Amino acid sequence: MFLAFVLALTSCKEEQLNRSAFECYSELKGLRRWHYVVDAPVMVQMSGGLIIGTQLKPQNSDVKWGACNLPGQFMRDSLAIYVTGYFLTSDDLAVMNLTPLPFEVTSAKLR
């Protein structure tokens, strides 16, 4: 019985955010992980103009994701990769229209 209780508690535990996620989205208060994604097919887009940085364009959507913590070897425009990671949320997002969606990459591999 005790073992089942301990397993239940540890399975509900939310993983800690990487420090890089706080740095990427420093303007958001109460940042936390929300939805976990595994091996999502995306295209890397290097943005330019007024928005500087890297974004991820999912294969079946026009809504771009942030590329927080994307390893440097994958920062090439139009590179097709798979990413695993977390969408991030915050109480601040309830009143913000934020594009790209905050996303923390935990791993990436070539498609």
PDB file of N, CA and C in Angstrom:
ATOM      1  N   MET A   1       0.827  -1.185   0.000  1.00  0.00           N
ATOM      2  CA  MET A   1       0.000   0.000   0.000  1.00  0.00           C
ATOM      3  C   MET A   1       0.881   1.262   0.000  1.00  0.00           C
ATOM      4  N   PHE A   2       1.903   1.240   0.840  1.00  0.00           N
ATOM      5  CA  PHE A   2       2.809   2.382   0.920  1.00  0.00           C
ATOM      6  C   PHE A   2       3.523   2.611  -0.411  1.00  0.00           C
ATOM      7  N   LEU A   3       3.962   1.521  -1.037  1.00  0.00           N
ATOM      8  CA  LEU A   3       4.644   1.620  -2.324  1.00  0.00           C
ATOM      9  C   LEU A   3       3.735   2.238  -3.388  1.00  0.00           C
ATOM     10  N   ALA A   4       2.477   1.852  -3.417  1.00  0.00           N
ATOM     11  CA  ALA A   4       1.521   2.422  -4.372  1.00  0.00           C
ATOM     12  C   ALA A   4       1.338   3.918  -4.121  1.00  0.00           C
ATOM     13  N   PHE A   5       1.297   4.329  -2.872  1.00  0.00           N
ATOM     14  CA  PHE A   5       1.154   5.737  -2.516  1.00  0.00           C
ATOM     15  C   PHE A   5       2.364   6.540  -2.990  1.00  0.00           C
ATOM     16  N   VAL A   6       3.562   6.009  -2.754  1.00  0.00           N
ATOM     17  CA  VAL A   6       4.792   6.694  -3.174  1.00  0.00           C
ATOM     18  C   VAL A   6       4.837   6.802  -4.696  1.00  0.00           C
ATOM     19  N   LEU A   7       4.489   5.731  -5.401  1.00  0.00           N
ATOM     20  CA  LEU A   7       4.476   5.772  -6.861  1.00  0.00           C
ATOM     21  C   LEU A   7       3.467   6.787  -7.381  1.00  0.00           C
ATOM     22  N   ALA A   8       2.315   6.878  -6.752  1.00  0.00           N
ATOM     23  CA  ALA A   8       1.303   7.855  -7.168  1.00  0.00           C
ATOM     24  C   ALA A   8       1.817   9.275  -6.981  1.00  0.00           C
ATOM     25  N   LEU A   9       2.473   9.540  -5.878  1.00  0.00           N
ATOM     26  CA  LEU A   9       3.007  10.887  -5.627  1.00  0.00           C
ATOM     27  C   LEU A   9       4.104  11.251  -6.620  1.00  0.00           C
ATOM     28  N   THR A  10       4.994  10.329  -6.915  1.00  0.00           N
ATOM     29  CA  THR A  10       6.090  10.654  -7.824  1.00  0.00           C
ATOM     30  C   THR A  10       5.616  10.792  -9.258  1.00  0.00           C
ATOM     31  N   SER A  11       4.570  10.079  -9.646  1.00  0.00           N
ATOM     32  CA  SER A  11       4.080  10.211 -11.018  1.00  0.00           C
ATOM     33  C   SER A  11       3.364  11.528 -11.247  1.00  0.00           C
ATOM     34  N   CYS A  12       2.850  12.155 -10.203  1.00  0.00           N
ATOM     35  CA  CYS A  12       2.159  13.441 -10.325  1.00  0.00           C
ATOM     36  C   CYS A  12       3.119  14.616 -10.261  1.00  0.00           C
ATOM     37  N   LYS A  13       4.344  14.365  -9.865  1.00  0.00           N
ATOM     38  CA  LYS A  13       5.319  15.433  -9.717  1.00  0.00           C
ATOM     39  C   LYS A  13       5.630  16.067 -11.065  1.00  0.00           C
ATOM     40  N   GLU A  14       5.532  17.397 -11.140  1.00  0.00           N
ATOM     41  CA  GLU A  14       5.846  18.119 -12.380  1.00  0.00           C
ATOM     42  C   GLU A  14       7.344  18.362 -12.443  1.00  0.00           C
ATOM     43  N   GLU A  15       7.919  18.109 -13.601  1.00  0.00           N
ATOM     44  CA  GLU A  15       9.346  18.330 -13.767  1.00  0.00           C
ATOM     45  C   GLU A  15       9.659  19.817 -13.714  1.00  0.00           C
ATOM     46  N   GLN A  16      10.848  20.128 -13.243  1.00  0.00           N
ATOM     47  CA  GLN A  16      11.297  21.510 -13.154  1.00  0.00           C
ATOM     48  C   GLN A  16      11.644  22.045 -14.539  1.00  0.00           C
ATOM     49  N   LEU A  17      11.395  23.329 -14.736  1.00  0.00           N
ATOM     50  CA  LEU A  17      11.798  23.999 -15.977  1.00  0.00           C
ATOM     51  C   LEU A  17      13.307  24.147 -16.021  1.00  0.00           C
ATOM     52  N   ASN A  18      13.858  24.061 -17.222  1.00  0.00           N
ATOM     53  CA  ASN A  18      15.262  24.380 -17.403  1.00  0.00           C
ATOM     54  C   ASN A  18      15.453  25.878 -17.238  1.00  0.00           C
ATOM     55  N   ARG A  19      16.613  26.274 -16.787  1.00  0.00           N
ATOM     56  CA  ARG A  19      16.922  27.695 -16.620  1.00  0.00           C
ATOM     57  C   ARG A  19      16.773  28.448 -17.942  1.00  0.00           C
ATOM     58  N   SER A  20      17.102  27.778 -19.052  1.00  0.00           N
ATOM     59  CA  SER A  20      17.010  28.424 -20.361  1.00  0.00           C
ATOM     60  C   SER A  20      15.578  28.842 -20.679  1.00  0.00           C
ATOM     61  N   ALA A  21      14.588  28.090 -20.204  1.00  0.00           N
ATOM     62  CA  ALA A  21      13.190  28.463 -20.453  1.00  0.00           C
ATOM     63  C   ALA A  21      12.860  29.776 -19.754  1.00  0.00           C
ATOM     64  N   PHE A  22      13.362  29.950 -18.544  1.00  0.00           N
ATOM     65  CA  PHE A  22      13.136  31.216 -17.837  1.00  0.00           C
ATOM     66  C   PHE A  22      13.834  32.365 -18.559  1.00  0.00           C
ATOM     67  N   GLU A  23      14.989  32.094 -19.140  1.00  0.00           N
ATOM     68  CA  GLU A  23      15.711  33.129 -19.878  1.00  0.00           C
ATOM     69  C   GLU A  23      14.999  33.468 -21.187  1.00  0.00           C
ATOM     70  N   CYS A  24      14.475  32.461 -21.878  1.00  0.00           N
ATOM     71  CA  CYS A  24      13.767  32.697 -23.144  1.00  0.00           C
ATOM     72  C   CYS A  24      12.493  33.520 -22.934  1.00  0.00           C
ATOM     73  N   TYR A  25      11.817  33.257 -21.852  1.00  0.00           N
ATOM     74  CA  TYR A  25      10.508  33.874 -21.607  1.00  0.00           C
ATOM     75  C   TYR A  25      10.521  34.627 -20.280  1.00  0.00           C
ATOM     76  N   SER A  26      11.527  35.449 -20.086  1.00  0.00           N
ATOM     77  CA  SER A  26      11.697  36.161 -18.816  1.00  0.00           C
ATOM     78  C   SER A  26      10.552  37.128 -18.515  1.00  0.00           C
ATOM     79  N   GLU A  27       9.803  37.542 -19.551  1.00  0.00           N
ATOM     80  CA  GLU A  27       8.702  38.480 -19.327  1.00  0.00           C
ATOM     81  C   GLU A  27       7.454  37.798 -18.748  1.00  0.00           C
ATOM     82  N   LEU A  28       7.425  36.469 -18.747  1.00  0.00           N
ATOM     83  CA  LEU A  28       6.258  35.740 -18.240  1.00  0.00           C
ATOM     84  C   LEU A  28       6.471  35.345 -16.787  1.00  0.00           C
ATOM     85  N   LYS A  29       5.541  35.688 -15.939  1.00  0.00           N
ATOM     86  CA  LYS A  29       5.625  35.341 -14.515  1.00  0.00           C
ATOM     87  C   LYS A  29       4.902  34.018 -14.279  1.00  0.00           C
ATOM     88  N   GLY A  30       5.406  33.222 -13.356  1.00  0.00           N
ATOM     89  CA  GLY A  30       4.772  31.950 -13.024  1.00  0.00           C
ATOM     90  C   GLY A  30       4.836  30.942 -14.151  1.00  0.00           C
ATOM     91  N   LEU A  31       5.928  30.954 -14.905  1.00  0.00           N
ATOM     92  CA  LEU A  31       6.080  30.065 -16.047  1.00  0.00           C
ATOM     93  C   LEU A  31       6.127  28.610 -15.577  1.00  0.00           C
ATOM     94  N   ARG A  32       5.397  27.743 -16.289  1.00  0.00           N
ATOM     95  CA  ARG A  32       5.385  26.328 -15.943  1.00  0.00           C
ATOM     96  C   ARG A  32       5.154  25.482 -17.195  1.00  0.00           C
ATOM     97  N   ARG A  33       5.537  24.226 -17.099  1.00  0.00           N
ATOM     98  CA  ARG A  33       5.317  23.290 -18.203  1.00  0.00           C
ATOM     99  C   ARG A  33       3.842  22.923 -18.259  1.00  0.00           C
ATOM    100  N   TRP A  34       3.359  22.726 -19.510  1.00  0.00           N
ATOM    101  CA  TRP A  34       1.941  22.437 -19.673  1.00  0.00           C
ATOM    102  C   TRP A  34       1.726  21.121 -20.406  1.00  0.00           C
ATOM    103  N   HIS A  35       1.998  21.068 -21.676  1.00  0.00           N
ATOM    104  CA  HIS A  35       1.683  19.902 -22.495  1.00  0.00           C
ATOM    105  C   HIS A  35       2.966  19.326 -23.083  1.00  0.00           C
ATOM    106  N   TYR A  36       3.160  18.013 -22.937  1.00  0.00           N
ATOM    107  CA  TYR A  36       4.361  17.340 -23.415  1.00  0.00           C
ATOM    108  C   TYR A  36       4.137  16.815 -24.834  1.00  0.00           C
ATOM    109  N   VAL A  37       5.109  17.045 -25.702  1.00  0.00           N
ATOM    110  CA  VAL A  37       5.045  16.618 -27.097  1.00  0.00           C
ATOM    111  C   VAL A  37       6.255  15.736 -27.383  1.00  0.00           C
ATOM    112  N   VAL A  38       6.036  14.620 -28.095  1.00  0.00           N
ATOM    113  CA  VAL A  38       7.122  13.692 -28.418  1.00  0.00           C
ATOM    114  C   VAL A  38       7.273  13.583 -29.938  1.00  0.00           C
ATOM    115  N   ASP A  39       8.480  13.826 -30.425  1.00  0.00           N
ATOM    116  CA  ASP A  39       8.842  13.666 -31.833  1.00  0.00           C
ATOM    117  C   ASP A  39       7.868  14.338 -32.802  1.00  0.00           C
ATOM    118  N   ALA A  40       7.564  15.597 -32.543  1.00  0.00           N
ATOM    119  CA  ALA A  40       6.701  16.360 -33.445  1.00  0.00           C
ATOM    120  C   ALA A  40       7.502  16.772 -34.678  1.00  0.00           C
ATOM    121  N   PRO A  41       6.977  16.519 -35.887  1.00  0.00           N
ATOM    122  CA  PRO A  41       7.687  16.940 -37.096  1.00  0.00           C
ATOM    123  C   PRO A  41       7.522  18.447 -37.304  1.00  0.00           C
ATOM    124  N   VAL A  42       8.635  19.158 -37.349  1.00  0.00           N
ATOM    125  CA  VAL A  42       8.619  20.609 -37.517  1.00  0.00           C
ATOM    126  C   VAL A  42       9.680  21.025 -38.526  1.00  0.00           C
ATOM    127  N   MET A  43       9.549  22.266 -38.986  1.00  0.00           N
ATOM    128  CA  MET A  43      10.539  22.891 -39.861  1.00  0.00           C
ATOM    129  C   MET A  43      11.117  24.087 -39.087  1.00  0.00           C
ATOM    130  N   VAL A  44      12.419  24.174 -39.038  1.00  0.00           N
ATOM    131  CA  VAL A  44      13.075  25.300 -38.372  1.00  0.00           C
ATOM    132  C   VAL A  44      12.966  26.517 -39.268  1.00  0.00           C
ATOM    133  N   GLN A  45      12.582  27.644 -38.698  1.00  0.00           N
ATOM    134  CA  GLN A  45      12.522  28.904 -39.436  1.00  0.00           C
ATOM    135  C   GLN A  45      13.328  29.952 -38.692  1.00  0.00           C
ATOM    136  N   MET A  46      14.347  30.426 -39.362  1.00  0.00           N
ATOM    137  CA  MET A  46      15.134  31.517 -38.805  1.00  0.00           C
ATOM    138  C   MET A  46      14.394  32.794 -39.147  1.00  0.00           C
ATOM    139  N   SER A  47      13.977  33.517 -38.142  1.00  0.00           N
ATOM    140  CA  SER A  47      13.202  34.728 -38.394  1.00  0.00           C
ATOM    141  C   SER A  47      14.134  35.909 -38.560  1.00  0.00           C
ATOM    142  N   GLY A  48      13.632  36.920 -39.198  1.00  0.00           N
ATOM    143  CA  GLY A  48      14.422  38.118 -39.433  1.00  0.00           C
ATOM    144  C   GLY A  48      13.542  39.344 -39.289  1.00  0.00           C
ATOM    145  N   GLY A  49      14.024  40.464 -39.691  1.00  0.00           N
ATOM    146  CA  GLY A  49      13.249  41.691 -39.588  1.00  0.00           C
ATOM    147  C   GLY A  49      13.135  42.144 -38.143  1.00  0.00           C
ATOM    148  N   LEU A  50      11.918  42.494 -37.723  1.00  0.00           N
ATOM    149  CA  LEU A  50      11.701  42.990 -36.367  1.00  0.00           C
ATOM    150  C   LEU A  50      11.761  41.879 -35.327  1.00  0.00           C
ATOM    151  N   ILE A  51      11.447  40.639 -35.743  1.00  0.00           N
ATOM    152  CA  ILE A  51      11.483  39.506 -34.824  1.00  0.00           C
ATOM    153  C   ILE A  51      12.749  38.712 -35.106  1.00  0.00           C
ATOM    154  N   ILE A  52      13.629  38.656 -34.119  1.00  0.00           N
ATOM    155  CA  ILE A  52      14.892  37.955 -34.308  1.00  0.00           C
ATOM    156  C   ILE A  52      14.857  36.679 -33.483  1.00  0.00           C
ATOM    157  N   GLY A  53      15.275  35.582 -34.079  1.00  0.00           N
ATOM    158  CA  GLY A  53      15.331  34.323 -33.359  1.00  0.00           C
ATOM    159  C   GLY A  53      14.955  33.160 -34.233  1.00  0.00           C
ATOM    160  N   THR A  54      14.695  32.046 -33.584  1.00  0.00           N
ATOM    161  CA  THR A  54      14.362  30.811 -34.276  1.00  0.00           C
ATOM    162  C   THR A  54      12.966  30.380 -33.864  1.00  0.00           C
ATOM    163  N   GLN A  55      12.209  29.907 -34.838  1.00  0.00           N
ATOM    164  CA  GLN A  55      10.865  29.414 -34.578  1.00  0.00           C
ATOM    165  C   GLN A  55      10.734  28.023 -35.181  1.00  0.00           C
ATOM    166  N   LEU A  56       9.735  27.292 -34.725  1.00  0.00           N
ATOM    167  CA  LEU A  56       9.442  25.969 -35.247  1.00  0.00           C
ATOM    168  C   LEU A  56       8.066  26.001 -35.885  1.00  0.00           C
ATOM    169  N   LYS A  57       7.969  25.523 -37.127  1.00  0.00           N
ATOM    170  CA  LYS A  57       6.686  25.469 -37.807  1.00  0.00           C
ATOM    171  C   LYS A  57       6.257  24.010 -37.890  1.00  0.00           C
ATOM    172  N   PRO A  58       5.203  23.644 -37.153  1.00  0.00           N
ATOM    173  CA  PRO A  58       4.722  22.263 -37.193  1.00  0.00           C
ATOM    174  C   PRO A  58       4.253  21.881 -38.590  1.00  0.00           C
ATOM    175  N   GLN A  59       4.367  20.612 -38.907  1.00  0.00           N
ATOM    176  CA  GLN A  59       4.044  20.116 -40.237  1.00  0.00           C
ATOM    177  C   GLN A  59       2.582  20.359 -40.614  1.00  0.00           C
ATOM    178  N   ASN A  60       1.655  20.252 -39.682  1.00  0.00           N
ATOM    179  CA  ASN A  60       0.229  20.343 -40.003  1.00  0.00           C
ATOM    180  C   ASN A  60      -0.448  21.570 -39.399  1.00  0.00           C
ATOM    181  N   SER A  61       0.274  22.657 -39.240  1.00  0.00           N
ATOM    182  CA  SER A  61      -0.311  23.845 -38.613  1.00  0.00           C
ATOM    183  C   SER A  61       0.426  25.097 -39.064  1.00  0.00           C
ATOM    184  N   ASP A  62      -0.283  26.222 -39.044  1.00  0.00           N
ATOM    185  CA  ASP A  62       0.346  27.507 -39.341  1.00  0.00           C
ATOM    186  C   ASP A  62       0.788  28.231 -38.077  1.00  0.00           C
ATOM    187  N   VAL A  63       0.423  27.700 -36.917  1.00  0.00           N
ATOM    188  CA  VAL A  63       0.781  28.323 -35.639  1.00  0.00           C
ATOM    189  C   VAL A  63       2.206  27.916 -35.277  1.00  0.00           C
ATOM    190  N   LYS A  64       3.103  28.892 -35.227  1.00  0.00           N
ATOM    191  CA  LYS A  64       4.512  28.614 -34.954  1.00  0.00           C
ATOM    192  C   LYS A  64       4.761  28.463 -33.457  1.00  0.00           C
ATOM    193  N   TRP A  65       5.801  27.690 -33.146  1.00  0.00           N
ATOM    194  CA  TRP A  65       6.219  27.461 -31.768  1.00  0.00           C
ATOM    195  C   TRP A  65       7.548  28.164 -31.541  1.00  0.00           C
ATOM    196  N   GLY A  66       7.797  28.541 -30.298  1.00  0.00           N
ATOM    197  CA  GLY A  66       9.106  29.050 -29.932  1.00  0.00           C
ATOM    198  C   GLY A  66      10.117  27.921 -29.999  1.00  0.00           C
ATOM    199  N   ALA A  67      11.375  28.261 -30.014  1.00  0.00           N
ATOM    200  CA  ALA A  67      12.424  27.239 -30.110  1.00  0.00           C
ATOM    201  C   ALA A  67      13.399  27.377 -28.952  1.00  0.00           C
ATOM    202  N   CYS A  68      12.874  27.596 -27.769  1.00  0.00           N
ATOM    203  CA  CYS A  68      13.725  27.763 -26.599  1.00  0.00           C
ATOM    204  C   CYS A  68      14.525  26.489 -26.351  1.00  0.00           C
ATOM    205  N   ASN A  69      15.822  26.637 -26.202  1.00  0.00           N
ATOM    206  CA  ASN A  69      16.714  25.531 -25.878  1.00  0.00           C
ATOM    207  C   ASN A  69      17.001  24.616 -27.074  1.00  0.00           C
ATOM    208  N   LEU A  70      16.722  25.070 -28.299  1.00  0.00           N
ATOM    209  CA  LEU A  70      17.040  24.274 -29.482  1.00  0.00           C
ATOM    210  C   LEU A  70      18.564  24.209 -29.634  1.00  0.00           C
ATOM    211  N   PRO A  71      19.137  23.004 -29.709  1.00  0.00           N
ATOM    212  CA  PRO A  71      20.596  22.896 -29.853  1.00  0.00           C
ATOM    213  C   PRO A  71      21.096  23.606 -31.111  1.00  0.00           C
ATOM    214  N   GLY A  72      22.258  24.194 -31.024  1.00  0.00           N
ATOM    215  CA  GLY A  72      22.838  24.991 -32.106  1.00  0.00           C
ATOM    216  C   GLY A  72      22.955  24.287 -33.442  1.00  0.00           C
ATOM    217  N   GLN A  73      23.228  22.986 -33.433  1.00  0.00           N
ATOM    218  CA  GLN A  73      23.387  22.280 -34.701  1.00  0.00           C
ATOM    219  C   GLN A  73      22.092  22.192 -35.496  1.00  0.00           C
ATOM    220  N   PHE A  74      20.946  22.493 -34.865  1.00  0.00           N
ATOM    221  CA  PHE A  74      19.658  22.458 -35.558  1.00  0.00           C
ATOM    222  C   PHE A  74      19.166  23.857 -35.952  1.00  0.00           C
ATOM    223  N   MET A  75      19.940  24.870 -35.686  1.00  0.00           N
ATOM    224  CA  MET A  75      19.539  26.238 -36.014  1.00  0.00           C
ATOM    225  C   MET A  75      19.938  26.586 -37.438  1.00  0.00           C
ATOM    226  N   ARG A  76      19.237  25.953 -38.386  1.00  0.00           N
ATOM    227  CA  ARG A  76      19.456  26.210 -39.810  1.00  0.00           C
ATOM    228  C   ARG A  76      18.097  26.363 -40.465  1.00  0.00           C
ATOM    229  N   ASP A  77      17.926  27.425 -41.221  1.00  0.00           N
ATOM    230  CA  ASP A  77      16.642  27.713 -41.855  1.00  0.00           C
ATOM    231  C   ASP A  77      16.199  26.555 -42.748  1.00  0.00           C
ATOM    232  N   SER A  78      14.921  26.227 -42.662  1.00  0.00           N
ATOM    233  CA  SER A  78      14.266  25.182 -43.465  1.00  0.00           C
ATOM    234  C   SER A  78      14.744  23.766 -43.152  1.00  0.00           C
ATOM    235  N   LEU A  79      15.359  23.566 -42.006  1.00  0.00           N
ATOM    236  CA  LEU A  79      15.798  22.232 -41.602  1.00  0.00           C
ATOM    237  C   LEU A  79      14.602  21.452 -41.050  1.00  0.00           C
ATOM    238  N   ALA A  80      14.373  20.254 -41.576  1.00  0.00           N
ATOM    239  CA  ALA A  80      13.277  19.388 -41.125  1.00  0.00           C
ATOM    240  C   ALA A  80      13.773  18.530 -39.961  1.00  0.00           C
ATOM    241  N   ILE A  81      13.129  18.677 -38.802  1.00  0.00           N
ATOM    242  CA  ILE A  81      13.543  17.933 -37.616  1.00  0.00           C
ATOM    243  C   ILE A  81      12.321  17.416 -36.858  1.00  0.00           C
ATOM    244  N   TYR A  82      12.589  16.552 -35.899  1.00  0.00           N
ATOM    245  CA  TYR A  82      11.597  16.143 -34.903  1.00  0.00           C
ATOM    246  C   TYR A  82      12.010  16.783 -33.586  1.00  0.00           C
ATOM    247  N   VAL A  83      11.039  17.320 -32.848  1.00  0.00           N
ATOM    248  CA  VAL A  83      11.340  17.869 -31.529  1.00  0.00           C
ATOM    249  C   VAL A  83      10.480  17.199 -30.471  1.00  0.00           C
ATOM    250  N   THR A  84      11.064  17.096 -29.299  1.00  0.00           N
ATOM    251  CA  THR A  84      10.361  16.651 -28.110  1.00  0.00           C
ATOM    252  C   THR A  84      10.511  17.768 -27.107  1.00  0.00           C
ATOM    253  N   GLY A  85       9.447  18.053 -26.373  1.00  0.00           N
ATOM    254  CA  GLY A  85       9.526  19.110 -25.385  1.00  0.00           C
ATOM    255  C   GLY A  85       8.175  19.459 -24.809  1.00  0.00           C
ATOM    256  N   TYR A  86       8.126  20.632 -24.204  1.00  0.00           N
ATOM    257  CA  TYR A  86       6.952  21.078 -23.477  1.00  0.00           C
ATOM    258  C   TYR A  86       6.448  22.418 -24.003  1.00  0.00           C
ATOM    259  N   PHE A  87       5.131  22.514 -24.177  1.00  0.00           N
ATOM    260  CA  PHE A  87       4.534  23.831 -24.303  1.00  0.00           C
ATOM    261  C   PHE A  87       4.579  24.439 -22.914  1.00  0.00           C
ATOM    262  N   LEU A  88       4.771  25.731 -22.856  1.00  0.00           N
ATOM    263  CA  LEU A  88       4.860  26.427 -21.573  1.00  0.00           C
ATOM    264  C   LEU A  88       3.641  27.310 -21.408  1.00  0.00           C
ATOM    265  N   THR A  89       3.235  27.497 -20.170  1.00  0.00           N
ATOM    266  CA  THR A  89       2.103  28.356 -19.884  1.00  0.00           C
ATOM    267  C   THR A  89       2.419  29.228 -18.679  1.00  0.00           C
ATOM    268  N   SER A  90       1.576  30.208 -18.486  1.00  0.00           N
ATOM    269  CA  SER A  90       1.747  31.171 -17.404  1.00  0.00           C
ATOM    270  C   SER A  90       0.412  31.871 -17.198  1.00  0.00           C
ATOM    271  N   ASP A  91       0.175  32.364 -16.028  1.00  0.00           N
ATOM    272  CA  ASP A  91      -1.045  33.141 -15.787  1.00  0.00           C
ATOM    273  C   ASP A  91      -1.084  34.374 -16.683  1.00  0.00           C
ATOM    274  N   ASP A  92       0.090  34.916 -17.020  1.00  0.00           N
ATOM    275  CA  ASP A  92       0.163  36.089 -17.889  1.00  0.00           C
ATOM    276  C   ASP A  92      -0.390  35.802 -19.288  1.00  0.00           C
ATOM    277  N   LEU A  93      -0.292  34.559 -19.745  1.00  0.00           N
ATOM    278  CA  LEU A  93      -0.724  34.217 -21.099  1.00  0.00           C
ATOM    279  C   LEU A  93      -2.236  34.296 -21.278  1.00  0.00           C
ATOM    280  N   ALA A  94      -2.981  34.287 -20.184  1.00  0.00           N
ATOM    281  CA  ALA A  94      -4.443  34.373 -20.282  1.00  0.00           C
ATOM    282  C   ALA A  94      -4.879  35.702 -20.891  1.00  0.00           C
ATOM    283  N   VAL A  95      -4.040  36.727 -20.779  1.00  0.00           N
ATOM    284  CA  VAL A  95      -4.399  38.056 -21.290  1.00  0.00           C
ATOM    285  C   VAL A  95      -3.464  38.532 -22.399  1.00  0.00           C
ATOM    286  N   MET A  96      -2.637  37.623 -22.919  1.00  0.00           N
ATOM    287  CA  MET A  96      -1.683  37.997 -23.961  1.00  0.00           C
ATOM    288  C   MET A  96      -1.968  37.229 -25.240  1.00  0.00           C
ATOM    289  N   ASN A  97      -1.689  37.856 -26.355  1.00  0.00           N
ATOM    290  CA  ASN A  97      -1.731  37.186 -27.643  1.00  0.00           C
ATOM    291  C   ASN A  97      -0.276  37.018 -28.064  1.00  0.00           C
ATOM    292  N   LEU A  98       0.280  35.856 -27.796  1.00  0.00           N
ATOM    293  CA  LEU A  98       1.709  35.641 -27.963  1.00  0.00           C
ATOM    294  C   LEU A  98       1.981  34.685 -29.117  1.00  0.00           C
ATOM    295  N   THR A  99       2.796  35.136 -30.062  1.00  0.00           N
ATOM    296  CA  THR A  99       3.242  34.294 -31.156  1.00  0.00           C
ATOM    297  C   THR A  99       4.745  34.457 -31.269  1.00  0.00           C
ATOM    298  N   PRO A 100       5.499  33.399 -31.374  1.00  0.00           N
ATOM    299  CA  PRO A 100       5.115  32.003 -31.408  1.00  0.00           C
ATOM    300  C   PRO A 100       4.735  31.479 -30.027  1.00  0.00           C
ATOM    301  N   LEU A 101       4.061  30.332 -29.999  1.00  0.00           N
ATOM    302  CA  LEU A 101       3.677  29.715 -28.731  1.00  0.00           C
ATOM    303  C   LEU A 101       4.939  29.348 -27.950  1.00  0.00           C
ATOM    304  N   PRO A 102       4.978  29.654 -26.661  1.00  0.00           N
ATOM    305  CA  PRO A 102       6.159  29.301 -25.862  1.00  0.00           C
ATOM    306  C   PRO A 102       6.364  27.787 -25.836  1.00  0.00           C
ATOM    307  N   PHE A 103       7.538  27.363 -26.250  1.00  0.00           N
ATOM    308  CA  PHE A 103       7.857  25.939 -26.315  1.00  0.00           C
ATOM    309  C   PHE A 103       9.298  25.716 -25.877  1.00  0.00           C
ATOM    310  N   GLU A 104       9.511  24.745 -25.023  1.00  0.00           N
ATOM    311  CA  GLU A 104      10.845  24.383 -24.528  1.00  0.00           C
ATOM    312  C   GLU A 104      11.257  23.054 -25.164  1.00  0.00           C
ATOM    313  N   VAL A 105      12.308  23.078 -25.964  1.00  0.00           N
ATOM    314  CA  VAL A 105      12.819  21.867 -26.614  1.00  0.00           C
ATOM    315  C   VAL A 105      13.669  21.094 -25.611  1.00  0.00           C
ATOM    316  N   THR A 106      13.347  19.821 -25.429  1.00  0.00           N
ATOM    317  CA  THR A 106      14.180  18.977 -24.562  1.00  0.00           C
ATOM    318  C   THR A 106      15.063  18.045 -25.374  1.00  0.00           C
ATOM    319  N   SER A 107      14.657  17.747 -26.635  1.00  0.00           N
ATOM    320  CA  SER A 107      15.519  16.986 -27.544  1.00  0.00           C
ATOM    321  C   SER A 107      15.085  17.238 -28.976  1.00  0.00           C
ATOM    322  N   ALA A 108      16.015  17.031 -29.893  1.00  0.00           N
ATOM    323  CA  ALA A 108      15.737  17.236 -31.325  1.00  0.00           C
ATOM    324  C   ALA A 108      16.563  16.235 -32.125  1.00  0.00           C
ATOM    325  N   LYS A 109      16.025  15.843 -33.279  1.00  0.00           N
ATOM    326  CA  LYS A 109      16.761  14.957 -34.181  1.00  0.00           C
ATOM    327  C   LYS A 109      16.323  15.239 -35.610  1.00  0.00           C
ATOM    328  N   LEU A 110      17.186  14.925 -36.556  1.00  0.00           N
ATOM    329  CA  LEU A 110      16.896  15.148 -37.966  1.00  0.00           C
ATOM    330  C   LEU A 110      15.781  14.232 -38.432  1.00  0.00           C
ATOM    331  N   ARG A 111      14.981  14.754 -39.387  1.00  0.00           N
ATOM    332  CA  ARG A 111      13.953  13.911 -40.023  1.00  0.00           C
ATOM    333  C   ARG A 111      14.560  13.253 -41.223  1.00  0.00           C
TER     334      ARG A 111
END
